[in-house]
Amino acid sequence: MRPSFLPRLINDQYSDPGLFIPFLFERRALLFDLGDLGLLSPRDLLKVSHVFVTHTHMDHFVGFDTLLRVFLGREREIHIYGPPNFFGQVEGKLAGYTWNLVDEYEKNFELVVSEVGPEEVVTKTYVCQERFQPRGVGEKKPFAGILLEEPAFHVEAALLDHRIPCLGLSLVEHFYVNIDKEALKDLELPVGPWLTRFKKALYERQDPLSPFTVTWEQGGRVIRAKEFVLSDLAGKIAKISPGQKVTYVTDIIGSRENCRKVVELARDSDHLFIEAAFLDSDRETARKKYHLTAREAGALAREAGAKQLTPFHFSPRYSGLYQHIEREAMEAYRAARD
């Protein structure tokens, strides 16, 4: 199965946490956390449509300014999610700048900010040309674990304990559509933008008997078209397989309640990115600082049935000891799997 997205840590395991998730067949990406974004190019950042901030400690939120600067003056809308009290943190950032010139911008930029509570999500919009003053008191929706729902995927979240509320996150692809390139050749069909429309029709579960138009394009213009029945075309060129699941967990104490929530959130993940801040020999320090040990991280990945584990967010006290942390996490991960 060729994946639809390829998640990668933005920085190394000792630096600011953050996961960049670009979609392979779209000019689009998601971000989990907003730490130092210096290793992402403006081109990378301009793909971002939705950002999910686990909590607003500096190493998880300092990149907000970088993201804001890249999008200013562009006709774009960015959705940002965060834990309780998130509006105050975002508004504090925005209040740090003078916006007297933004009404001169020809293009408008909007921040759609959602604050995630135990039972509801409240959303406010901040418009650049209105000097980022919030519109209204916010729209409220019940929260039952899903923050974003789209035809192809959804993003789940759980509120975890880091002495403050902290979001754990999972990106869940509903199913994967793989295009058979040999079948395209046999049918003498081109590779082109129509394939995105085709996948969208399948993800949105359009009527299988509805017509679908394959187009040949040149210079952005349609030069030829051919009609198919959607289900017939899908049967000839598409292979449907289960989608992938990526989970991201950072900055939590290894309490019984946190562990229960993490295992539930990360259940059967294809890839689990989870913090391993301390070695187990320093577990008392880990508890005092509300972080996981490498052994706890590996055990949680094992219990959740994650297929792949990437530990990260190592304490700088272990500089040069990367292999020790990873070994401890992987030993716990594999212990009961064998």
C-alpha atoms as a PDB file:
ATOM      1  CA  MET A   1       0.000   0.000   0.000  1.00  0.00           C
ATOM      2  CA  ARG A   2       1.362   3.388  -0.950  1.00  0.00           C
ATOM      3  CA  PRO A   3       0.384   5.845   1.814  1.00  0.00           C
ATOM      4  CA  SER A   4      -1.593   9.033   1.241  1.00  0.00           C
ATOM      5  CA  PHE A   5       0.556  10.987   3.683  1.00  0.00           C
ATOM      6  CA  LEU A   6       4.079  10.691   5.068  1.00  0.00           C
ATOM      7  CA  PRO A   7       4.362  12.101   8.618  1.00  0.00           C
ATOM      8  CA  ARG A   8       7.757  13.223   9.833  1.00  0.00           C
ATOM      9  CA  LEU A   9       9.113  14.890  12.943  1.00  0.00           C
ATOM     10  CA  ILE A  10      10.033  18.501  12.182  1.00  0.00           C
ATOM     11  CA  ASN A  11      13.127  18.495  14.397  1.00  0.00           C
ATOM     12  CA  ASP A  12      15.396  15.912  15.979  1.00  0.00           C
ATOM     13  CA  GLN A  13      14.368  14.040  19.108  1.00  0.00           C
ATOM     14  CA  TYR A  14      16.066  16.523  21.457  1.00  0.00           C
ATOM     15  CA  SER A  15      14.565  19.667  19.894  1.00  0.00           C
ATOM     16  CA  ASP A  16      11.098  21.207  19.834  1.00  0.00           C
ATOM     17  CA  PRO A  17       8.351  18.632  19.219  1.00  0.00           C
ATOM     18  CA  GLY A  18       6.203  18.799  16.110  1.00  0.00           C
ATOM     19  CA  LEU A  19       4.875  16.538  13.370  1.00  0.00           C
ATOM     20  CA  PHE A  20       4.564  17.655   9.735  1.00  0.00           C
ATOM     21  CA  ILE A  21       2.075  15.575   7.719  1.00  0.00           C
ATOM     22  CA  PRO A  22       2.118  16.356   3.979  1.00  0.00           C
ATOM     23  CA  PHE A  23      -0.441  14.704   1.691  1.00  0.00           C
ATOM     24  CA  LEU A  24       1.228  13.045  -1.289  1.00  0.00           C
ATOM     25  CA  PHE A  25      -1.333  13.869  -3.958  1.00  0.00           C
ATOM     26  CA  GLU A  26      -2.480  17.281  -2.737  1.00  0.00           C
ATOM     27  CA  ARG A  27      -0.808  20.599  -2.037  1.00  0.00           C
ATOM     28  CA  ARG A  28      -1.844  20.192   1.559  1.00  0.00           C
ATOM     29  CA  ALA A  29      -0.431  19.338   4.973  1.00  0.00           C
ATOM     30  CA  LEU A  30      -1.395  19.167   8.650  1.00  0.00           C
ATOM     31  CA  LEU A  31       0.722  20.190  11.629  1.00  0.00           C
ATOM     32  CA  PHE A  32       0.698  18.623  15.082  1.00  0.00           C
ATOM     33  CA  ASP A  33       2.297  21.215  17.406  1.00  0.00           C
ATOM     34  CA  LEU A  34       3.907  24.570  16.685  1.00  0.00           C
ATOM     35  CA  GLY A  35       7.421  24.412  18.102  1.00  0.00           C
ATOM     36  CA  ASP A  36      10.441  25.696  16.182  1.00  0.00           C
ATOM     37  CA  LEU A  37       9.423  25.580  12.497  1.00  0.00           C
ATOM     38  CA  GLY A  38      12.775  26.727  11.120  1.00  0.00           C
ATOM     39  CA  LEU A  39      13.417  23.477   9.239  1.00  0.00           C
ATOM     40  CA  LEU A  40      10.166  23.809   7.274  1.00  0.00           C
ATOM     41  CA  SER A  41      10.342  25.973   4.171  1.00  0.00           C
ATOM     42  CA  PRO A  42       7.693  28.606   3.372  1.00  0.00           C
ATOM     43  CA  ARG A  43       6.595  26.254   0.607  1.00  0.00           C
ATOM     44  CA  ASP A  44       5.988  23.529   3.217  1.00  0.00           C
ATOM     45  CA  LEU A  45       4.130  25.887   5.537  1.00  0.00           C
ATOM     46  CA  LEU A  46       1.900  27.217   2.768  1.00  0.00           C
ATOM     47  CA  LYS A  47       0.529  23.697   2.341  1.00  0.00           C
ATOM     48  CA  VAL A  48      -0.805  23.693   5.915  1.00  0.00           C
ATOM     49  CA  SER A  49      -4.586  23.881   6.275  1.00  0.00           C
ATOM     50  CA  HIS A  50      -5.056  22.711   9.884  1.00  0.00           C
ATOM     51  CA  VAL A  51      -2.850  22.924  12.974  1.00  0.00           C
ATOM     52  CA  PHE A  52      -3.391  20.987  16.217  1.00  0.00           C
ATOM     53  CA  VAL A  53      -1.527  22.336  19.265  1.00  0.00           C
ATOM     54  CA  THR A  54      -1.192  19.896  22.157  1.00  0.00           C
ATOM     55  CA  HIS A  55      -0.595  22.694  24.714  1.00  0.00           C
ATOM     56  CA  THR A  56       1.010  26.118  24.798  1.00  0.00           C
ATOM     57  CA  HIS A  57       4.322  25.575  26.552  1.00  0.00           C
ATOM     58  CA  MET A  58       6.901  27.515  24.543  1.00  0.00           C
ATOM     59  CA  ASP A  59       8.489  24.508  22.828  1.00  0.00           C
ATOM     60  CA  HIS A  60       5.067  23.538  21.436  1.00  0.00           C
ATOM     61  CA  PHE A  61       3.772  26.996  20.487  1.00  0.00           C
ATOM     62  CA  VAL A  62       6.675  29.323  19.648  1.00  0.00           C
ATOM     63  CA  GLY A  63       6.194  28.610  15.921  1.00  0.00           C
ATOM     64  CA  PHE A  64       2.826  30.380  15.871  1.00  0.00           C
ATOM     65  CA  ASP A  65       4.561  33.626  14.873  1.00  0.00           C
ATOM     66  CA  THR A  66       6.431  31.923  12.033  1.00  0.00           C
ATOM     67  CA  LEU A  67       3.230  30.457  10.635  1.00  0.00           C
ATOM     68  CA  LEU A  68       1.413  33.777  10.978  1.00  0.00           C
ATOM     69  CA  ARG A  69       4.131  35.685   9.154  1.00  0.00           C
ATOM     70  CA  VAL A  70       4.129  33.288   6.186  1.00  0.00           C
ATOM     71  CA  PHE A  71       0.371  33.580   5.696  1.00  0.00           C
ATOM     72  CA  LEU A  72      -0.066  37.335   6.189  1.00  0.00           C
ATOM     73  CA  GLY A  73      -1.251  39.058   3.019  1.00  0.00           C
ATOM     74  CA  ARG A  74      -2.510  35.825   1.456  1.00  0.00           C
ATOM     75  CA  GLU A  75      -6.101  34.837   0.725  1.00  0.00           C
ATOM     76  CA  ARG A  76      -6.091  31.869   3.060  1.00  0.00           C
ATOM     77  CA  GLU A  77      -7.929  30.362   6.003  1.00  0.00           C
ATOM     78  CA  ILE A  78      -6.018  28.400   8.643  1.00  0.00           C
ATOM     79  CA  HIS A  79      -7.748  26.282  11.278  1.00  0.00           C
ATOM     80  CA  ILE A  80      -5.946  25.966  14.621  1.00  0.00           C
ATOM     81  CA  TYR A  81      -7.056  23.737  17.514  1.00  0.00           C
ATOM     82  CA  GLY A  82      -5.810  23.845  21.093  1.00  0.00           C
ATOM     83  CA  PRO A  83      -6.706  22.832  24.679  1.00  0.00           C
ATOM     84  CA  PRO A  84      -8.737  24.808  27.252  1.00  0.00           C
ATOM     85  CA  ASN A  85      -7.785  28.510  27.563  1.00  0.00           C
ATOM     86  CA  PHE A  86      -6.382  28.462  24.019  1.00  0.00           C
ATOM     87  CA  PHE A  87      -8.170  31.656  22.996  1.00  0.00           C
ATOM     88  CA  GLY A  88      -6.278  33.620  25.630  1.00  0.00           C
ATOM     89  CA  GLN A  89      -2.935  32.284  24.373  1.00  0.00           C
ATOM     90  CA  VAL A  90      -3.709  33.030  20.717  1.00  0.00           C
ATOM     91  CA  GLU A  91      -5.076  36.483  21.506  1.00  0.00           C
ATOM     92  CA  GLY A  92      -2.010  37.223  23.606  1.00  0.00           C
ATOM     93  CA  LYS A  93       0.203  36.398  20.634  1.00  0.00           C
ATOM     94  CA  LEU A  94      -1.859  38.554  18.285  1.00  0.00           C
ATOM     95  CA  ALA A  95      -1.930  41.440  20.774  1.00  0.00           C
ATOM     96  CA  GLY A  96       1.855  41.599  20.699  1.00  0.00           C
ATOM     97  CA  TYR A  97       1.861  43.234  17.269  1.00  0.00           C
ATOM     98  CA  THR A  98       0.544  46.467  15.769  1.00  0.00           C
ATOM     99  CA  TRP A  99      -1.987  45.896  12.987  1.00  0.00           C
ATOM    100  CA  ASN A 100      -2.649  49.445  11.751  1.00  0.00           C
ATOM    101  CA  LEU A 101      -1.579  48.647   8.162  1.00  0.00           C
ATOM    102  CA  VAL A 102      -3.507  45.431   7.545  1.00  0.00           C
ATOM    103  CA  ASP A 103      -6.539  47.181   6.033  1.00  0.00           C
ATOM    104  CA  GLU A 104      -4.284  48.001   3.074  1.00  0.00           C
ATOM    105  CA  TYR A 105      -3.853  44.324   2.210  1.00  0.00           C
ATOM    106  CA  GLU A 106      -5.708  43.356  -0.967  1.00  0.00           C
ATOM    107  CA  LYS A 107      -6.041  39.757   0.160  1.00  0.00           C
ATOM    108  CA  ASN A 108      -7.503  38.665   3.456  1.00  0.00           C
ATOM    109  CA  PHE A 109      -6.273  36.030   5.872  1.00  0.00           C
ATOM    110  CA  GLU A 110      -8.399  34.359   8.538  1.00  0.00           C
ATOM    111  CA  LEU A 111      -7.521  32.336  11.598  1.00  0.00           C
ATOM    112  CA  VAL A 112     -10.259  29.936  12.641  1.00  0.00           C
ATOM    113  CA  VAL A 113      -9.376  29.007  16.216  1.00  0.00           C
ATOM    114  CA  SER A 114     -11.002  26.178  18.169  1.00  0.00           C
ATOM    115  CA  GLU A 115     -10.662  25.641  21.911  1.00  0.00           C
ATOM    116  CA  VAL A 116     -11.183  22.015  22.921  1.00  0.00           C
ATOM    117  CA  GLY A 117     -12.822  21.316  26.273  1.00  0.00           C
ATOM    118  CA  PRO A 118     -13.929  18.051  27.900  1.00  0.00           C
ATOM    119  CA  GLU A 119     -17.467  18.326  26.525  1.00  0.00           C
ATOM    120  CA  GLU A 120     -17.477  20.977  23.807  1.00  0.00           C
ATOM    121  CA  VAL A 121     -15.397  22.735  21.176  1.00  0.00           C
ATOM    122  CA  VAL A 122     -15.760  26.507  20.844  1.00  0.00           C
ATOM    123  CA  THR A 123     -14.650  28.189  17.607  1.00  0.00           C
ATOM    124  CA  LYS A 124     -13.853  31.847  16.927  1.00  0.00           C
ATOM    125  CA  THR A 125     -12.692  33.576  13.757  1.00  0.00           C
ATOM    126  CA  TYR A 126      -9.948  36.214  13.703  1.00  0.00           C
ATOM    127  CA  VAL A 127      -9.746  38.247  10.467  1.00  0.00           C
ATOM    128  CA  CYS A 128      -6.540  39.990   9.442  1.00  0.00           C
ATOM    129  CA  GLN A 129      -8.231  43.046   7.926  1.00  0.00           C
ATOM    130  CA  GLU A 130     -10.209  43.441  11.153  1.00  0.00           C
ATOM    131  CA  ARG A 131      -6.920  43.588  13.095  1.00  0.00           C
ATOM    132  CA  PHE A 132      -7.489  40.049  14.336  1.00  0.00           C
ATOM    133  CA  GLN A 133     -10.287  41.024  16.685  1.00  0.00           C
ATOM    134  CA  PRO A 134     -12.464  37.965  17.383  1.00  0.00           C
ATOM    135  CA  ARG A 135     -15.861  37.858  15.724  1.00  0.00           C
ATOM    136  CA  GLY A 136     -18.647  37.244  18.232  1.00  0.00           C
ATOM    137  CA  VAL A 137     -18.553  35.011  21.284  1.00  0.00           C
ATOM    138  CA  GLY A 138     -17.800  31.801  19.411  1.00  0.00           C
ATOM    139  CA  GLU A 139     -19.673  28.846  17.965  1.00  0.00           C
ATOM    140  CA  LYS A 140     -20.131  25.875  20.290  1.00  0.00           C
ATOM    141  CA  LYS A 141     -20.281  22.228  19.265  1.00  0.00           C
ATOM    142  CA  PRO A 142     -20.333  19.056  21.379  1.00  0.00           C
ATOM    143  CA  PHE A 143     -16.992  17.249  21.611  1.00  0.00           C
ATOM    144  CA  ALA A 144     -17.080  13.453  21.447  1.00  0.00           C
ATOM    145  CA  GLY A 145     -13.501  12.745  20.402  1.00  0.00           C
ATOM    146  CA  ILE A 146     -13.405  13.957  16.789  1.00  0.00           C
ATOM    147  CA  LEU A 147     -12.067  17.421  15.978  1.00  0.00           C
ATOM    148  CA  LEU A 148     -12.026  17.330  12.177  1.00  0.00           C
ATOM    149  CA  GLU A 149     -14.124  15.151   9.872  1.00  0.00           C
ATOM    150  CA  GLU A 150     -13.509  15.025   6.126  1.00  0.00           C
ATOM    151  CA  PRO A 151     -14.531  12.432   3.518  1.00  0.00           C
ATOM    152  CA  ALA A 152     -11.053  10.888   3.351  1.00  0.00           C
ATOM    153  CA  PHE A 153      -9.980  11.122   6.989  1.00  0.00           C
ATOM    154  CA  HIS A 154     -10.693  12.453  10.459  1.00  0.00           C
ATOM    155  CA  VAL A 155      -8.625  13.715  13.375  1.00  0.00           C
ATOM    156  CA  GLU A 156      -9.355  12.335  16.835  1.00  0.00           C
ATOM    157  CA  ALA A 157      -8.208  13.874  20.119  1.00  0.00           C
ATOM    158  CA  ALA A 158      -8.089  13.070  23.815  1.00  0.00           C
ATOM    159  CA  LEU A 159      -7.487  15.488  26.670  1.00  0.00           C
ATOM    160  CA  LEU A 160      -4.525  14.233  28.710  1.00  0.00           C
ATOM    161  CA  ASP A 161      -2.854  15.393  31.920  1.00  0.00           C
ATOM    162  CA  HIS A 162       0.441  17.316  31.846  1.00  0.00           C
ATOM    163  CA  ARG A 163      -0.415  19.269  34.994  1.00  0.00           C
ATOM    164  CA  ILE A 164      -2.404  21.260  32.443  1.00  0.00           C
ATOM    165  CA  PRO A 165      -4.738  19.807  29.777  1.00  0.00           C
ATOM    166  CA  CYS A 166      -2.773  18.492  26.790  1.00  0.00           C
ATOM    167  CA  LEU A 167      -4.171  17.062  23.550  1.00  0.00           C
ATOM    168  CA  GLY A 168      -3.239  13.620  22.243  1.00  0.00           C
ATOM    169  CA  LEU A 169      -3.952  13.313  18.507  1.00  0.00           C
ATOM    170  CA  SER A 170      -4.675  10.670  15.867  1.00  0.00           C
ATOM    171  CA  LEU A 171      -5.028  11.143  12.116  1.00  0.00           C
ATOM    172  CA  VAL A 172      -7.230   8.336  10.770  1.00  0.00           C
ATOM    173  CA  GLU A 173      -7.582   7.704   7.042  1.00  0.00           C
ATOM    174  CA  HIS A 174     -10.930   6.083   6.235  1.00  0.00           C
ATOM    175  CA  PHE A 175      -9.627   3.973   3.357  1.00  0.00           C
ATOM    176  CA  TYR A 176      -6.936   4.234   0.710  1.00  0.00           C
ATOM    177  CA  VAL A 177      -7.471   4.439  -3.036  1.00  0.00           C
ATOM    178  CA  ASN A 178      -4.517   3.101  -5.012  1.00  0.00           C
ATOM    179  CA  ILE A 179      -4.505   3.813  -8.747  1.00  0.00           C
ATOM    180  CA  ASP A 180      -3.320   0.982 -11.004  1.00  0.00           C
ATOM    181  CA  LYS A 181      -0.964   2.731 -13.433  1.00  0.00           C
ATOM    182  CA  GLU A 182      -0.858  -0.286 -15.766  1.00  0.00           C
ATOM    183  CA  ALA A 183      -4.647  -0.245 -15.966  1.00  0.00           C
ATOM    184  CA  LEU A 184      -4.494   3.445 -16.915  1.00  0.00           C
ATOM    185  CA  LYS A 185      -2.095   2.578 -19.727  1.00  0.00           C
ATOM    186  CA  ASP A 186      -4.291  -0.288 -20.936  1.00  0.00           C
ATOM    187  CA  LEU A 187      -7.289   2.062 -21.068  1.00  0.00           C
ATOM    188  CA  GLU A 188      -5.123   4.795 -22.618  1.00  0.00           C
ATOM    189  CA  LEU A 189      -6.101   7.216 -19.862  1.00  0.00           C
ATOM    190  CA  PRO A 190      -3.801  10.053 -18.783  1.00  0.00           C
ATOM    191  CA  VAL A 191      -2.397  10.820 -15.356  1.00  0.00           C
ATOM    192  CA  GLY A 192      -3.789  14.210 -14.389  1.00  0.00           C
ATOM    193  CA  PRO A 193      -5.955  16.353 -12.104  1.00  0.00           C
ATOM    194  CA  TRP A 194      -8.989  14.213 -12.858  1.00  0.00           C
ATOM    195  CA  LEU A 195      -7.522  11.512 -10.571  1.00  0.00           C
ATOM    196  CA  THR A 196      -7.960  13.839  -7.580  1.00  0.00           C
ATOM    197  CA  ARG A 197     -11.608  14.334  -8.558  1.00  0.00           C
ATOM    198  CA  PHE A 198     -11.987  10.591  -8.975  1.00  0.00           C
ATOM    199  CA  LYS A 199     -10.608   9.802  -5.508  1.00  0.00           C
ATOM    200  CA  LYS A 200     -12.756  12.548  -4.007  1.00  0.00           C
ATOM    201  CA  ALA A 201     -15.851  10.964  -5.568  1.00  0.00           C
ATOM    202  CA  LEU A 202     -14.960   7.615  -3.966  1.00  0.00           C
ATOM    203  CA  TYR A 203     -14.153   9.137  -0.565  1.00  0.00           C
ATOM    204  CA  GLU A 204     -17.445  11.033  -0.603  1.00  0.00           C
ATOM    205  CA  ARG A 205     -19.246   7.791  -1.513  1.00  0.00           C
ATOM    206  CA  GLN A 206     -20.965   9.259  -4.517  1.00  0.00           C
ATOM    207  CA  ASP A 207     -23.594   7.180  -6.324  1.00  0.00           C
ATOM    208  CA  PRO A 208     -21.680   4.281  -7.980  1.00  0.00           C
ATOM    209  CA  LEU A 209     -23.911   4.621 -11.056  1.00  0.00           C
ATOM    210  CA  SER A 210     -23.252   8.336 -11.458  1.00  0.00           C
ATOM    211  CA  PRO A 211     -21.311   9.535 -14.515  1.00  0.00           C
ATOM    212  CA  PHE A 212     -17.667  10.488 -14.195  1.00  0.00           C
ATOM    213  CA  THR A 213     -15.658  12.452 -16.733  1.00  0.00           C
ATOM    214  CA  VAL A 214     -11.985  11.718 -17.412  1.00  0.00           C
ATOM    215  CA  THR A 215     -10.241  14.747 -18.866  1.00  0.00           C
ATOM    216  CA  TRP A 216      -7.055  15.356 -20.814  1.00  0.00           C
ATOM    217  CA  GLU A 217      -5.569  18.742 -19.975  1.00  0.00           C
ATOM    218  CA  GLN A 218      -2.897  20.897 -21.526  1.00  0.00           C
ATOM    219  CA  GLY A 219      -1.793  24.242 -20.170  1.00  0.00           C
ATOM    220  CA  GLY A 220      -4.651  24.148 -17.658  1.00  0.00           C
ATOM    221  CA  ARG A 221      -7.258  23.674 -20.424  1.00  0.00           C
ATOM    222  CA  VAL A 222      -9.363  20.582 -21.107  1.00  0.00           C
ATOM    223  CA  ILE A 223      -8.568  19.342 -24.612  1.00  0.00           C
ATOM    224  CA  ARG A 224     -10.451  16.031 -24.489  1.00  0.00           C
ATOM    225  CA  ALA A 225     -12.971  14.232 -22.278  1.00  0.00           C
ATOM    226  CA  LYS A 226     -14.421  10.733 -21.930  1.00  0.00           C
ATOM    227  CA  GLU A 227     -17.431   9.610 -19.887  1.00  0.00           C
ATOM    228  CA  PHE A 228     -17.509   6.565 -17.587  1.00  0.00           C
ATOM    229  CA  VAL A 229     -19.824   5.126 -14.956  1.00  0.00           C
ATOM    230  CA  LEU A 230     -18.064   5.740 -11.635  1.00  0.00           C
ATOM    231  CA  SER A 231     -18.284   2.133 -10.380  1.00  0.00           C
ATOM    232  CA  ASP A 232     -17.102   0.730 -13.726  1.00  0.00           C
ATOM    233  CA  LEU A 233     -14.071   3.007 -13.754  1.00  0.00           C
ATOM    234  CA  ALA A 234     -13.289   2.212 -10.116  1.00  0.00           C
ATOM    235  CA  GLY A 235     -13.430  -1.509 -10.840  1.00  0.00           C
ATOM    236  CA  LYS A 236     -10.887  -1.100 -13.637  1.00  0.00           C
ATOM    237  CA  ILE A 237      -8.297   1.292 -12.184  1.00  0.00           C
ATOM    238  CA  ALA A 238      -8.697   1.459  -8.372  1.00  0.00           C
ATOM    239  CA  LYS A 239      -7.656  -0.826  -5.542  1.00  0.00           C
ATOM    240  CA  ILE A 240      -9.306  -0.032  -2.201  1.00  0.00           C
ATOM    241  CA  SER A 241      -7.440  -0.881   1.000  1.00  0.00           C
ATOM    242  CA  PRO A 242      -7.661   0.118   4.681  1.00  0.00           C
ATOM    243  CA  GLY A 243      -6.339   3.584   5.427  1.00  0.00           C
ATOM    244  CA  GLN A 244      -3.467   4.381   7.766  1.00  0.00           C
ATOM    245  CA  LYS A 245      -3.594   5.762  11.286  1.00  0.00           C
ATOM    246  CA  VAL A 246      -0.956   8.055  12.802  1.00  0.00           C
ATOM    247  CA  THR A 247      -0.968   8.967  16.507  1.00  0.00           C
ATOM    248  CA  TYR A 248       0.997  11.710  18.260  1.00  0.00           C
ATOM    249  CA  VAL A 249       1.345  11.841  22.052  1.00  0.00           C
ATOM    250  CA  THR A 250       3.631  14.152  23.994  1.00  0.00           C
ATOM    251  CA  ASP A 251       4.041  15.725  27.433  1.00  0.00           C
ATOM    252  CA  ILE A 252       1.989  13.543  29.766  1.00  0.00           C
ATOM    253  CA  ILE A 253       2.514  11.827  33.102  1.00  0.00           C
ATOM    254  CA  GLY A 254       2.242   8.050  33.020  1.00  0.00           C
ATOM    255  CA  SER A 255      -0.850   7.929  35.223  1.00  0.00           C
ATOM    256  CA  ARG A 256      -3.402   5.158  34.965  1.00  0.00           C
ATOM    257  CA  GLU A 257      -5.990   7.492  33.411  1.00  0.00           C
ATOM    258  CA  ASN A 258      -3.537   8.936  30.894  1.00  0.00           C
ATOM    259  CA  CYS A 259      -2.369   5.464  29.911  1.00  0.00           C
ATOM    260  CA  ARG A 260      -5.937   4.270  29.410  1.00  0.00           C
ATOM    261  CA  LYS A 261      -6.720   7.233  27.165  1.00  0.00           C
ATOM    262  CA  VAL A 262      -3.497   6.877  25.153  1.00  0.00           C
ATOM    263  CA  VAL A 263      -4.053   3.182  24.491  1.00  0.00           C
ATOM    264  CA  GLU A 264      -7.600   3.889  23.354  1.00  0.00           C
ATOM    265  CA  LEU A 265      -6.510   6.792  21.128  1.00  0.00           C
ATOM    266  CA  ALA A 266      -3.555   4.935  19.601  1.00  0.00           C
ATOM    267  CA  ARG A 267      -5.259   1.550  19.206  1.00  0.00           C
ATOM    268  CA  ASP A 268      -3.972  -0.226  16.042  1.00  0.00           C
ATOM    269  CA  SER A 269      -2.015   2.803  14.846  1.00  0.00           C
ATOM    270  CA  ASP A 270       0.251   2.241  11.871  1.00  0.00           C
ATOM    271  CA  HIS A 271       2.697   4.721  13.396  1.00  0.00           C
ATOM    272  CA  LEU A 272       2.834   6.043  16.943  1.00  0.00           C
ATOM    273  CA  PHE A 273       4.983   9.078  17.709  1.00  0.00           C
ATOM    274  CA  ILE A 274       5.261   9.261  21.497  1.00  0.00           C
ATOM    275  CA  GLU A 275       7.465  11.183  23.882  1.00  0.00           C
ATOM    276  CA  ALA A 276      10.178   9.370  25.831  1.00  0.00           C
ATOM    277  CA  ALA A 277      11.525  12.237  27.886  1.00  0.00           C
ATOM    278  CA  PHE A 278      13.425  10.261  30.542  1.00  0.00           C
ATOM    279  CA  LEU A 279      15.092   6.924  31.093  1.00  0.00           C
ATOM    280  CA  ASP A 280      13.307   4.612  33.486  1.00  0.00           C
ATOM    281  CA  SER A 281      16.138   5.046  35.997  1.00  0.00           C
ATOM    282  CA  ASP A 282      14.909   8.642  36.329  1.00  0.00           C
ATOM    283  CA  ARG A 283      11.217   7.753  36.545  1.00  0.00           C
ATOM    284  CA  GLU A 284      10.696   9.760  39.741  1.00  0.00           C
ATOM    285  CA  THR A 285      11.948  12.871  37.954  1.00  0.00           C
ATOM    286  CA  ALA A 286       9.656  12.008  35.032  1.00  0.00           C
ATOM    287  CA  ARG A 287       6.654  11.867  37.369  1.00  0.00           C
ATOM    288  CA  LYS A 288       7.542  15.165  39.024  1.00  0.00           C
ATOM    289  CA  LYS A 289       7.798  16.830  35.620  1.00  0.00           C
ATOM    290  CA  TYR A 290       4.702  15.051  34.250  1.00  0.00           C
ATOM    291  CA  HIS A 291       6.509  13.248  31.427  1.00  0.00           C
ATOM    292  CA  LEU A 292       6.825   9.648  30.234  1.00  0.00           C
ATOM    293  CA  THR A 293       9.874   7.451  30.497  1.00  0.00           C
ATOM    294  CA  ALA A 294      11.124   5.552  27.468  1.00  0.00           C
ATOM    295  CA  ARG A 295       9.958   2.294  29.037  1.00  0.00           C
ATOM    296  CA  GLU A 296       6.458   3.693  29.594  1.00  0.00           C
ATOM    297  CA  ALA A 297       6.344   4.940  26.002  1.00  0.00           C
ATOM    298  CA  GLY A 298       7.313   1.534  24.624  1.00  0.00           C
ATOM    299  CA  ALA A 299       4.819  -0.274  26.859  1.00  0.00           C
ATOM    300  CA  LEU A 300       1.991   2.014  25.731  1.00  0.00           C
ATOM    301  CA  ALA A 301       2.875   1.425  22.072  1.00  0.00           C
ATOM    302  CA  ARG A 302       2.878  -2.328  22.699  1.00  0.00           C
ATOM    303  CA  GLU A 303      -0.465  -2.287  24.514  1.00  0.00           C
ATOM    304  CA  ALA A 304      -2.058  -0.145  21.795  1.00  0.00           C
ATOM    305  CA  GLY A 305      -0.884  -2.570  19.099  1.00  0.00           C
ATOM    306  CA  ALA A 306       0.988   0.121  17.174  1.00  0.00           C
ATOM    307  CA  LYS A 307       2.776  -1.264  14.125  1.00  0.00           C
ATOM    308  CA  GLN A 308       5.616   1.263  14.229  1.00  0.00           C
ATOM    309  CA  LEU A 309       7.012   3.294  17.129  1.00  0.00           C
ATOM    310  CA  THR A 310       9.004   6.525  17.035  1.00  0.00           C
ATOM    311  CA  PRO A 311      10.020   7.868  20.459  1.00  0.00           C
ATOM    312  CA  PHE A 312      10.904  11.578  20.625  1.00  0.00           C
ATOM    313  CA  HIS A 313      11.107  14.661  22.900  1.00  0.00           C
ATOM    314  CA  PHE A 314      14.169  13.411  24.802  1.00  0.00           C
ATOM    315  CA  SER A 315      15.387  15.467  27.750  1.00  0.00           C
ATOM    316  CA  PRO A 316      18.597  17.366  26.928  1.00  0.00           C
ATOM    317  CA  ARG A 317      20.188  15.763  30.003  1.00  0.00           C
ATOM    318  CA  TYR A 318      20.649  12.681  27.795  1.00  0.00           C
ATOM    319  CA  SER A 319      22.529  14.472  25.045  1.00  0.00           C
ATOM    320  CA  GLY A 320      24.593  11.871  23.218  1.00  0.00           C
ATOM    321  CA  LEU A 321      22.630   9.006  24.769  1.00  0.00           C
ATOM    322  CA  TYR A 322      20.055   8.699  21.986  1.00  0.00           C
ATOM    323  CA  GLN A 323      20.668   4.964  21.589  1.00  0.00           C
ATOM    324  CA  HIS A 324      20.027   4.261  25.282  1.00  0.00           C
ATOM    325  CA  ILE A 325      16.613   5.962  25.212  1.00  0.00           C
ATOM    326  CA  GLU A 326      15.582   4.321  21.968  1.00  0.00           C
ATOM    327  CA  ARG A 327      16.779   0.898  23.142  1.00  0.00           C
ATOM    328  CA  GLU A 328      14.777   1.137  26.366  1.00  0.00           C
ATOM    329  CA  ALA A 329      11.637   2.174  24.484  1.00  0.00           C
ATOM    330  CA  MET A 330      12.002  -0.546  21.845  1.00  0.00           C
ATOM    331  CA  GLU A 331      12.701  -3.272  24.415  1.00  0.00           C
ATOM    332  CA  ALA A 332       9.465  -2.408  26.237  1.00  0.00           C
ATOM    333  CA  TYR A 333       7.619  -2.205  22.910  1.00  0.00           C
ATOM    334  CA  ARG A 334       8.748  -5.656  21.812  1.00  0.00           C
ATOM    335  CA  ALA A 335       8.641  -7.368  25.227  1.00  0.00           C
ATOM    336  CA  ALA A 336       5.170  -8.909  25.095  1.00  0.00           C
ATOM    337  CA  ARG A 337       4.897  -8.922  21.300  1.00  0.00           C
ATOM    338  CA  ASP A 338       7.278 -11.874  20.946  1.00  0.00           C
END
